[in-house]
Amino acid sequence: MRSAGGGPETFIDFANARSEPAVVHWLDYGGQRRQYAVLQPGEGYRQQTYVGHPWVVTTVRGVGLVCFLPDHRTLRAVVR
């Protein structure tokens, strides 16, 4: 997966429902992870992004947990 250009601006509301920290990364145009946030258990935040820009959430050790693809509507991305 990698980001593709040209999509409209949107938002993702990330929420960490795990008992451990979760790390939020944007996947850039080359498919490389770019860290944006570390969410402690129970924390959340709103991330500005674009349709066509995938996001991956990992453990602090870099193990992938889930990928999210933005929609034209703001959606909630709960990490379990």
PDB file of N, CA and C in Angstrom:
ATOM      1  N   MET A   1       0.847  -1.176   0.000  1.00  0.00           N
ATOM      2  CA  MET A   1       0.000   0.000   0.000  1.00  0.00           C
ATOM      3  C   MET A   1       0.889   1.235   0.000  1.00  0.00           C
ATOM      4  N   ARG A   2       0.375   2.274  -0.628  1.00  0.00           N
ATOM      5  CA  ARG A   2       1.048   3.572  -0.642  1.00  0.00           C
ATOM      6  C   ARG A   2       0.028   4.652  -0.936  1.00  0.00           C
ATOM      7  N   SER A   3       0.388   5.887  -0.628  1.00  0.00           N
ATOM      8  CA  SER A   3      -0.510   7.005  -0.883  1.00  0.00           C
ATOM      9  C   SER A   3      -0.575   7.322  -2.367  1.00  0.00           C
ATOM     10  N   ALA A   4      -1.756   7.718  -2.772  1.00  0.00           N
ATOM     11  CA  ALA A   4      -1.995   8.203  -4.127  1.00  0.00           C
ATOM     12  C   ALA A   4      -2.501   9.629  -4.009  1.00  0.00           C
ATOM     13  N   GLY A   5      -2.093  10.508  -4.903  1.00  0.00           N
ATOM     14  CA  GLY A   5      -2.482  11.915  -4.833  1.00  0.00           C
ATOM     15  C   GLY A   5      -3.830  12.182  -5.449  1.00  0.00           C
ATOM     16  N   GLY A   6      -4.309  13.390  -5.230  1.00  0.00           N
ATOM     17  CA  GLY A   6      -5.505  13.859  -5.903  1.00  0.00           C
ATOM     18  C   GLY A   6      -6.807  13.730  -5.154  1.00  0.00           C
ATOM     19  N   GLY A   7      -6.816  13.072  -3.989  1.00  0.00           N
ATOM     20  CA  GLY A   7      -8.069  12.905  -3.267  1.00  0.00           C
ATOM     21  C   GLY A   7      -8.425  14.129  -2.449  1.00  0.00           C
ATOM     22  N   PRO A   8      -9.714  14.277  -2.113  1.00  0.00           N
ATOM     23  CA  PRO A   8     -10.143  15.416  -1.301  1.00  0.00           C
ATOM     24  C   PRO A   8      -9.678  15.296   0.150  1.00  0.00           C
ATOM     25  N   GLU A   9      -9.584  16.443   0.812  1.00  0.00           N
ATOM     26  CA  GLU A   9      -9.223  16.476   2.225  1.00  0.00           C
ATOM     27  C   GLU A   9     -10.328  15.824   3.057  1.00  0.00           C
ATOM     28  N   THR A  10      -9.927  15.137   4.122  1.00  0.00           N
ATOM     29  CA  THR A  10     -10.859  14.505   5.037  1.00  0.00           C
ATOM     30  C   THR A  10     -10.164  14.333   6.383  1.00  0.00           C
ATOM     31  N   PHE A  11     -10.808  13.625   7.302  1.00  0.00           N
ATOM     32  CA  PHE A  11     -10.250  13.385   8.630  1.00  0.00           C
ATOM     33  C   PHE A  11     -10.530  11.948   9.045  1.00  0.00           C
ATOM     34  N   ILE A  12      -9.671  11.424   9.930  1.00  0.00           N
ATOM     35  CA  ILE A  12      -9.897  10.139  10.598  1.00  0.00           C
ATOM     36  C   ILE A  12      -9.809  10.404  12.094  1.00  0.00           C
ATOM     37  N   ASP A  13     -10.786   9.906  12.840  1.00  0.00           N
ATOM     38  CA  ASP A  13     -10.738   9.983  14.300  1.00  0.00           C
ATOM     39  C   ASP A  13     -10.198   8.656  14.828  1.00  0.00           C
ATOM     40  N   PHE A  14      -8.915   8.628  15.201  1.00  0.00           N
ATOM     41  CA  PHE A  14      -8.298   7.428  15.739  1.00  0.00           C
ATOM     42  C   PHE A  14      -8.615   7.293  17.216  1.00  0.00           C
ATOM     43  N   ALA A  15      -8.854   6.050  17.674  1.00  0.00           N
ATOM     44  CA  ALA A  15      -9.103   5.765  19.083  1.00  0.00           C
ATOM     45  C   ALA A  15      -8.400   4.458  19.435  1.00  0.00           C
ATOM     46  N   ASN A  16      -7.636   4.473  20.512  1.00  0.00           N
ATOM     47  CA  ASN A  16      -6.930   3.274  20.951  1.00  0.00           C
ATOM     48  C   ASN A  16      -7.730   2.589  22.052  1.00  0.00           C
ATOM     49  N   ALA A  17      -8.347   1.449  21.710  1.00  0.00           N
ATOM     50  CA  ALA A  17      -9.129   0.672  22.672  1.00  0.00           C
ATOM     51  C   ALA A  17      -8.307  -0.489  23.246  1.00  0.00           C
ATOM     52  N   ARG A  18      -7.015  -0.503  22.963  1.00  0.00           N
ATOM     53  CA  ARG A  18      -6.128  -1.559  23.458  1.00  0.00           C
ATOM     54  C   ARG A  18      -5.620  -1.234  24.859  1.00  0.00           C
ATOM     55  N   SER A  19      -5.019  -2.221  25.506  1.00  0.00           N
ATOM     56  CA  SER A  19      -4.418  -2.005  26.827  1.00  0.00           C
ATOM     57  C   SER A  19      -2.949  -1.616  26.709  1.00  0.00           C
ATOM     58  N   GLU A  20      -2.461  -1.455  25.481  1.00  0.00           N
ATOM     59  CA  GLU A  20      -1.080  -1.071  25.208  1.00  0.00           C
ATOM     60  C   GLU A  20      -1.068   0.123  24.263  1.00  0.00           C
ATOM     61  N   PRO A  21       0.051   0.859  24.210  1.00  0.00           N
ATOM     62  CA  PRO A  21       0.139   1.967  23.258  1.00  0.00           C
ATOM     63  C   PRO A  21       0.000   1.484  21.811  1.00  0.00           C
ATOM     64  N   ALA A  22      -0.489   2.359  20.958  1.00  0.00           N
ATOM     65  CA  ALA A  22      -0.620   2.100  19.531  1.00  0.00           C
ATOM     66  C   ALA A  22       0.038   3.261  18.783  1.00  0.00           C
ATOM     67  N   VAL A  23       0.754   2.940  17.711  1.00  0.00           N
ATOM     68  CA  VAL A  23       1.488   3.950  16.952  1.00  0.00           C
ATOM     69  C   VAL A  23       0.813   4.136  15.597  1.00  0.00           C
ATOM     70  N   VAL A  24       0.481   5.377  15.256  1.00  0.00           N
ATOM     71  CA  VAL A  24      -0.211   5.709  14.012  1.00  0.00           C
ATOM     72  C   VAL A  24       0.816   6.184  12.987  1.00  0.00           C
ATOM     73  N   HIS A  25       0.778   5.562  11.805  1.00  0.00           N
ATOM     74  CA  HIS A  25       1.694   5.911  10.718  1.00  0.00           C
ATOM     75  C   HIS A  25       0.901   6.218   9.455  1.00  0.00           C
ATOM     76  N   TRP A  26       1.345   7.212   8.717  1.00  0.00           N
ATOM     77  CA  TRP A  26       0.881   7.456   7.352  1.00  0.00           C
ATOM     78  C   TRP A  26       1.779   6.666   6.418  1.00  0.00           C
ATOM     79  N   LEU A  27       1.201   6.049   5.390  1.00  0.00           N
ATOM     80  CA  LEU A  27       2.005   5.378   4.367  1.00  0.00           C
ATOM     81  C   LEU A  27       2.226   6.368   3.239  1.00  0.00           C
ATOM     82  N   ASP A  28       3.481   6.762   3.026  1.00  0.00           N
ATOM     83  CA  ASP A  28       3.798   7.806   2.058  1.00  0.00           C
ATOM     84  C   ASP A  28       3.693   7.296   0.615  1.00  0.00           C
ATOM     85  N   TYR A  29       4.116   8.118  -0.339  1.00  0.00           N
ATOM     86  CA  TYR A  29       3.971   7.792  -1.763  1.00  0.00           C
ATOM     87  C   TYR A  29       4.860   6.635  -2.198  1.00  0.00           C
ATOM     88  N   GLY A  30       5.856   6.291  -1.389  1.00  0.00           N
ATOM     89  CA  GLY A  30       6.706   5.135  -1.661  1.00  0.00           C
ATOM     90  C   GLY A  30       6.327   3.922  -0.832  1.00  0.00           C
ATOM     91  N   GLY A  31       5.265   4.038  -0.025  1.00  0.00           N
ATOM     92  CA  GLY A  31       4.821   2.933   0.823  1.00  0.00           C
ATOM     93  C   GLY A  31       5.553   2.843   2.152  1.00  0.00           C
ATOM     94  N   GLN A  32       6.359   3.858   2.482  1.00  0.00           N
ATOM     95  CA  GLN A  32       7.105   3.868   3.740  1.00  0.00           C
ATOM     96  C   GLN A  32       6.254   4.450   4.868  1.00  0.00           C
ATOM     97  N   ARG A  33       6.412   3.877   6.061  1.00  0.00           N
ATOM     98  CA  ARG A  33       5.710   4.379   7.239  1.00  0.00           C
ATOM     99  C   ARG A  33       6.304   5.710   7.695  1.00  0.00           C
ATOM    100  N   ARG A  34       5.433   6.658   8.005  1.00  0.00           N
ATOM    101  CA  ARG A  34       5.823   7.944   8.581  1.00  0.00           C
ATOM    102  C   ARG A  34       5.021   8.128   9.870  1.00  0.00           C
ATOM    103  N   GLN A  35       5.696   8.028  11.018  1.00  0.00           N
ATOM    104  CA  GLN A  35       4.997   8.081  12.300  1.00  0.00           C
ATOM    105  C   GLN A  35       4.377   9.450  12.540  1.00  0.00           C
ATOM    106  N   TYR A  36       3.115   9.427  13.002  1.00  0.00           N
ATOM    107  CA  TYR A  36       2.393  10.656  13.306  1.00  0.00           C
ATOM    108  C   TYR A  36       1.992  10.771  14.766  1.00  0.00           C
ATOM    109  N   ALA A  37       1.701   9.661  15.415  1.00  0.00           N
ATOM    110  CA  ALA A  37       1.229   9.752  16.802  1.00  0.00           C
ATOM    111  C   ALA A  37       1.451   8.436  17.531  1.00  0.00           C
ATOM    112  N   VAL A  38       1.609   8.543  18.853  1.00  0.00           N
ATOM    113  CA  VAL A  38       1.597   7.380  19.742  1.00  0.00           C
ATOM    114  C   VAL A  38       0.418   7.593  20.677  1.00  0.00           C
ATOM    115  N   LEU A  39      -0.535   6.668  20.612  1.00  0.00           N
ATOM    116  CA  LEU A  39      -1.744   6.768  21.441  1.00  0.00           C
ATOM    117  C   LEU A  39      -1.632   5.825  22.628  1.00  0.00           C
ATOM    118  N   GLN A  40      -1.732   6.366  23.806  1.00  0.00           N
ATOM    119  CA  GLN A  40      -1.762   5.540  25.003  1.00  0.00           C
ATOM    120  C   GLN A  40      -3.140   4.864  25.103  1.00  0.00           C
ATOM    121  N   PRO A  41      -3.273   3.817  25.916  1.00  0.00           N
ATOM    122  CA  PRO A  41      -4.576   3.165  26.063  1.00  0.00           C
ATOM    123  C   PRO A  41      -5.673   4.179  26.405  1.00  0.00           C
ATOM    124  N   GLY A  42      -6.764   4.114  25.678  1.00  0.00           N
ATOM    125  CA  GLY A  42      -7.897   5.005  25.904  1.00  0.00           C
ATOM    126  C   GLY A  42      -7.801   6.349  25.218  1.00  0.00           C
ATOM    127  N   GLU A  43      -6.663   6.684  24.635  1.00  0.00           N
ATOM    128  CA  GLU A  43      -6.495   7.979  23.968  1.00  0.00           C
ATOM    129  C   GLU A  43      -6.994   7.942  22.530  1.00  0.00           C
ATOM    130  N   GLY A  44      -7.267   9.136  22.016  1.00  0.00           N
ATOM    131  CA  GLY A  44      -7.663   9.293  20.629  1.00  0.00           C
ATOM    132  C   GLY A  44      -7.275  10.663  20.121  1.00  0.00           C
ATOM    133  N   TYR A  45      -7.359  10.844  18.817  1.00  0.00           N
ATOM    134  CA  TYR A  45      -7.105  12.157  18.223  1.00  0.00           C
ATOM    135  C   TYR A  45      -7.639  12.186  16.802  1.00  0.00           C
ATOM    136  N   ARG A  46      -7.824  13.383  16.279  1.00  0.00           N
ATOM    137  CA  ARG A  46      -8.303  13.588  14.909  1.00  0.00           C
ATOM    138  C   ARG A  46      -7.115  13.911  14.015  1.00  0.00           C
ATOM    139  N   GLN A  47      -7.013  13.153  12.902  1.00  0.00           N
ATOM    140  CA  GLN A  47      -5.926  13.331  11.951  1.00  0.00           C
ATOM    141  C   GLN A  47      -6.462  13.857  10.628  1.00  0.00           C
ATOM    142  N   GLN A  48      -5.931  14.979  10.169  1.00  0.00           N
ATOM    143  CA  GLN A  48      -6.253  15.482   8.838  1.00  0.00           C
ATOM    144  C   GLN A  48      -5.515  14.606   7.839  1.00  0.00           C
ATOM    145  N   THR A  49      -6.181  14.275   6.727  1.00  0.00           N
ATOM    146  CA  THR A  49      -5.590  13.431   5.702  1.00  0.00           C
ATOM    147  C   THR A  49      -6.307  13.675   4.381  1.00  0.00           C
ATOM    148  N   TYR A  50      -6.107  12.785   3.441  1.00  0.00           N
ATOM    149  CA  TYR A  50      -6.740  12.876   2.122  1.00  0.00           C
ATOM    150  C   TYR A  50      -7.237  11.506   1.707  1.00  0.00           C
ATOM    151  N   VAL A  51      -8.327  11.457   0.975  1.00  0.00           N
ATOM    152  CA  VAL A  51      -8.798  10.199   0.396  1.00  0.00           C
ATOM    153  C   VAL A  51      -7.673   9.693  -0.512  1.00  0.00           C
ATOM    154  N   GLY A  52      -7.334   8.432  -0.376  1.00  0.00           N
ATOM    155  CA  GLY A  52      -6.223   7.863  -1.135  1.00  0.00           C
ATOM    156  C   GLY A  52      -4.933   7.774  -0.354  1.00  0.00           C
ATOM    157  N   HIS A  53      -4.950   8.222   0.928  1.00  0.00           N
ATOM    158  CA  HIS A  53      -3.770   8.143   1.793  1.00  0.00           C
ATOM    159  C   HIS A  53      -4.013   7.102   2.887  1.00  0.00           C
ATOM    160  N   PRO A  54      -3.442   5.911   2.772  1.00  0.00           N
ATOM    161  CA  PRO A  54      -3.655   4.876   3.791  1.00  0.00           C
ATOM    162  C   PRO A  54      -2.874   5.144   5.068  1.00  0.00           C
ATOM    163  N   TRP A  55      -3.407   4.640   6.160  1.00  0.00           N
ATOM    164  CA  TRP A  55      -2.800   4.749   7.479  1.00  0.00           C
ATOM    165  C   TRP A  55      -2.681   3.353   8.066  1.00  0.00           C
ATOM    166  N   VAL A  56      -1.597   3.082   8.779  1.00  0.00           N
ATOM    167  CA  VAL A  56      -1.403   1.805   9.450  1.00  0.00           C
ATOM    168  C   VAL A  56      -1.124   2.088  10.926  1.00  0.00           C
ATOM    169  N   VAL A  57      -1.678   1.244  11.778  1.00  0.00           N
ATOM    170  CA  VAL A  57      -1.446   1.353  13.215  1.00  0.00           C
ATOM    171  C   VAL A  57      -0.672   0.111  13.642  1.00  0.00           C
ATOM    172  N   THR A  58       0.379   0.341  14.433  1.00  0.00           N
ATOM    173  CA  THR A  58       1.255  -0.743  14.862  1.00  0.00           C
ATOM    174  C   THR A  58       1.404  -0.740  16.377  1.00  0.00           C
ATOM    175  N   THR A  59       2.046  -1.802  16.873  1.00  0.00           N
ATOM    176  CA  THR A  59       2.507  -1.806  18.254  1.00  0.00           C
ATOM    177  C   THR A  59       3.745  -0.927  18.325  1.00  0.00           C
ATOM    178  N   VAL A  60       4.255  -0.669  19.526  1.00  0.00           N
ATOM    179  CA  VAL A  60       5.469   0.132  19.653  1.00  0.00           C
ATOM    180  C   VAL A  60       6.677  -0.588  19.051  1.00  0.00           C
ATOM    181  N   ARG A  61       6.581  -1.891  18.859  1.00  0.00           N
ATOM    182  CA  ARG A  61       7.671  -2.668  18.241  1.00  0.00           C
ATOM    183  C   ARG A  61       7.550  -2.737  16.728  1.00  0.00           C
ATOM    184  N   GLY A  62       6.491  -2.121  16.176  1.00  0.00           N
ATOM    185  CA  GLY A  62       6.335  -2.065  14.727  1.00  0.00           C
ATOM    186  C   GLY A  62       5.501  -3.166  14.109  1.00  0.00           C
ATOM    187  N   VAL A  63       4.882  -3.996  14.935  1.00  0.00           N
ATOM    188  CA  VAL A  63       4.012  -5.063  14.420  1.00  0.00           C
ATOM    189  C   VAL A  63       2.691  -4.453  13.978  1.00  0.00           C
ATOM    190  N   GLY A  64       2.308  -4.690  12.718  1.00  0.00           N
ATOM    191  CA  GLY A  64       1.076  -4.133  12.188  1.00  0.00           C
ATOM    192  C   GLY A  64      -0.160  -4.674  12.881  1.00  0.00           C
ATOM    193  N   LEU A  65      -1.077  -3.781  13.214  1.00  0.00           N
ATOM    194  CA  LEU A  65      -2.344  -4.159  13.844  1.00  0.00           C
ATOM    195  C   LEU A  65      -3.506  -4.014  12.872  1.00  0.00           C
ATOM    196  N   VAL A  66      -3.548  -2.890  12.150  1.00  0.00           N
ATOM    197  CA  VAL A  66      -4.682  -2.618  11.269  1.00  0.00           C
ATOM    198  C   VAL A  66      -4.322  -1.496  10.305  1.00  0.00           C
ATOM    199  N   CYS A  67      -4.952  -1.519   9.131  1.00  0.00           N
ATOM    200  CA  CYS A  67      -4.813  -0.437   8.150  1.00  0.00           C
ATOM    201  C   CYS A  67      -6.164   0.253   8.003  1.00  0.00           C
ATOM    202  N   PHE A  68      -6.128   1.557   7.768  1.00  0.00           N
ATOM    203  CA  PHE A  68      -7.344   2.330   7.543  1.00  0.00           C
ATOM    204  C   PHE A  68      -7.198   3.133   6.264  1.00  0.00           C
ATOM    205  N   LEU A  69      -8.258   3.134   5.462  1.00  0.00           N
ATOM    206  CA  LEU A  69      -8.314   3.942   4.248  1.00  0.00           C
ATOM    207  C   LEU A  69      -9.331   5.051   4.462  1.00  0.00           C
ATOM    208  N   PRO A  70      -8.928   6.298   4.329  1.00  0.00           N
ATOM    209  CA  PRO A  70      -9.853   7.415   4.560  1.00  0.00           C
ATOM    210  C   PRO A  70     -11.017   7.417   3.578  1.00  0.00           C
ATOM    211  N   ASP A  71     -12.122   7.929   4.042  1.00  0.00           N
ATOM    212  CA  ASP A  71     -13.332   8.095   3.254  1.00  0.00           C
ATOM    213  C   ASP A  71     -13.563   9.599   3.082  1.00  0.00           C
ATOM    214  N   HIS A  72     -14.456   9.962   2.192  1.00  0.00           N
ATOM    215  CA  HIS A  72     -14.770  11.392   2.040  1.00  0.00           C
ATOM    216  C   HIS A  72     -15.460  11.956   3.278  1.00  0.00           C
ATOM    217  N   ARG A  73     -16.051  11.071   4.126  1.00  0.00           N
ATOM    218  CA  ARG A  73     -16.647  11.482   5.401  1.00  0.00           C
ATOM    219  C   ARG A  73     -15.652  11.192   6.519  1.00  0.00           C
ATOM    220  N   THR A  74     -15.704  11.936   7.592  1.00  0.00           N
ATOM    221  CA  THR A  74     -14.878  11.651   8.756  1.00  0.00           C
ATOM    222  C   THR A  74     -15.410  10.386   9.416  1.00  0.00           C
ATOM    223  N   LEU A  75     -14.512   9.399   9.558  1.00  0.00           N
ATOM    224  CA  LEU A  75     -14.885   8.137  10.176  1.00  0.00           C
ATOM    225  C   LEU A  75     -14.036   7.907  11.419  1.00  0.00           C
ATOM    226  N   ARG A  76     -14.534   7.070  12.313  1.00  0.00           N
ATOM    227  CA  ARG A  76     -13.809   6.723  13.527  1.00  0.00           C
ATOM    228  C   ARG A  76     -13.062   5.412  13.302  1.00  0.00           C
ATOM    229  N   ALA A  77     -11.778   5.404  13.581  1.00  0.00           N
ATOM    230  CA  ALA A  77     -10.924   4.229  13.422  1.00  0.00           C
ATOM    231  C   ALA A  77     -10.532   3.743  14.808  1.00  0.00           C
ATOM    232  N   VAL A  78     -11.186   2.688  15.283  1.00  0.00           N
ATOM    233  CA  VAL A  78     -10.936   2.161  16.620  1.00  0.00           C
ATOM    234  C   VAL A  78      -9.931   1.018  16.514  1.00  0.00           C
ATOM    235  N   VAL A  79      -8.842   1.142  17.238  1.00  0.00           N
ATOM    236  CA  VAL A  79      -7.800   0.109  17.255  1.00  0.00           C
ATOM    237  C   VAL A  79      -8.064  -0.797  18.437  1.00  0.00           C
ATOM    238  N   ARG A  80      -8.264  -2.080  18.155  1.00  0.00           N
ATOM    239  CA  ARG A  80      -8.579  -3.058  19.205  1.00  0.00           C
ATOM    240  C   ARG A  80      -7.466  -4.068  19.361  1.00  0.00           C
TER     241      ARG A  80
END
